[in-house]
Amino acid sequence: MLITIQNHLNTIAVCSLDGIEAIVICHSRPIPDDMAEAAKREGVAIVVTPMSQFEASAALSELPPSKK
């Protein structure tokens, strides 16, 4: 999972190259159409939150570990 404020197409490219399956976009930044299309094509989930990166990281750290 990538937690970021970077809301552009290159963010999806980084995820695809590194096998990242989900992006959390912080500060309620809007998702451009080209980014949404690339994410769908590459199978990368996008979640938008009003939280800062720190707040999102802290909230996610309280979740139980996933079982893959």
Protein backbone atom coordinates (compact mmCIF):
# COMPACT_ATOMS: atom_id res chain seq x y z
CA MET A 1 0.00 0.00 0.00
CA LEU A 2 1.23 3.47 -0.90
CA ILE A 3 0.13 6.43 1.23
CA THR A 4 0.71 9.69 -0.63
CA ILE A 5 -0.55 13.07 -1.81
CA GLN A 6 0.75 12.42 -5.33
CA ASN A 7 -2.36 12.30 -7.51
CA HIS A 8 -0.99 11.79 -10.99
CA LEU A 9 -0.45 9.09 -13.57
CA ASN A 10 3.16 8.35 -12.56
CA THR A 11 1.95 7.17 -9.16
CA ILE A 12 0.19 4.27 -10.86
CA ALA A 13 3.32 3.45 -12.84
CA VAL A 14 5.35 3.22 -9.62
CA CYS A 15 2.73 0.92 -8.10
CA SER A 16 2.71 -1.33 -11.15
CA LEU A 17 6.50 -1.63 -11.16
CA ASP A 18 6.67 -2.42 -7.44
CA GLY A 19 3.58 -4.64 -7.15
CA ILE A 20 1.64 -2.20 -4.94
CA GLU A 21 -2.07 -3.06 -5.02
CA ALA A 22 -3.58 0.00 -3.33
CA ILE A 23 -2.97 3.73 -3.01
CA VAL A 24 -4.31 5.98 -0.26
CA ILE A 25 -4.52 9.57 -1.53
CA CYS A 26 -4.49 11.96 1.42
CA HIS A 27 -5.88 15.46 1.99
CA SER A 28 -8.91 14.65 -0.23
CA ARG A 29 -6.92 15.37 -3.37
CA PRO A 30 -8.97 14.77 -6.52
CA ILE A 31 -8.17 11.82 -8.79
CA PRO A 32 -7.57 12.84 -12.42
CA ASP A 33 -9.37 10.76 -15.06
CA ASP A 34 -6.12 9.46 -16.57
CA MET A 35 -4.96 8.26 -13.16
CA ALA A 36 -8.28 6.50 -12.47
CA GLU A 37 -8.19 4.81 -15.89
CA ALA A 38 -4.60 3.63 -15.41
CA ALA A 39 -5.39 2.31 -11.93
CA LYS A 40 -8.32 0.32 -13.28
CA ARG A 41 -6.22 -1.05 -16.12
CA GLU A 42 -3.36 -2.03 -13.77
CA GLY A 43 -5.58 -3.38 -10.98
CA VAL A 44 -4.55 -0.77 -8.43
CA ALA A 45 -7.20 0.33 -5.93
CA ILE A 46 -7.42 4.04 -5.06
CA VAL A 47 -8.80 5.25 -1.73
CA VAL A 48 -9.15 8.97 -0.97
CA THR A 49 -9.13 10.29 2.59
CA PRO A 50 -9.20 13.73 4.20
CA MET A 51 -6.49 12.53 6.60
CA SER A 52 -2.83 13.53 6.37
CA GLN A 53 -0.25 10.88 5.50
CA PHE A 54 0.66 10.59 9.18
CA GLU A 55 -2.97 10.19 10.28
CA ALA A 56 -3.67 7.62 7.56
CA SER A 57 -0.55 5.64 8.48
CA ALA A 58 -1.51 5.64 12.15
CA ALA A 59 -5.09 4.56 11.39
CA LEU A 60 -3.96 1.75 9.09
CA SER A 61 -1.39 0.54 11.62
CA GLU A 62 -4.26 -0.25 14.02
CA LEU A 63 -5.85 -2.73 11.61
CA PRO A 64 -5.15 -6.43 12.04
CA PRO A 65 -2.64 -7.91 9.60
CA SER A 66 -4.07 -9.26 6.37
CA LYS A 67 -3.86 -12.94 5.55
CA LYS A 68 -2.85 -13.48 1.94
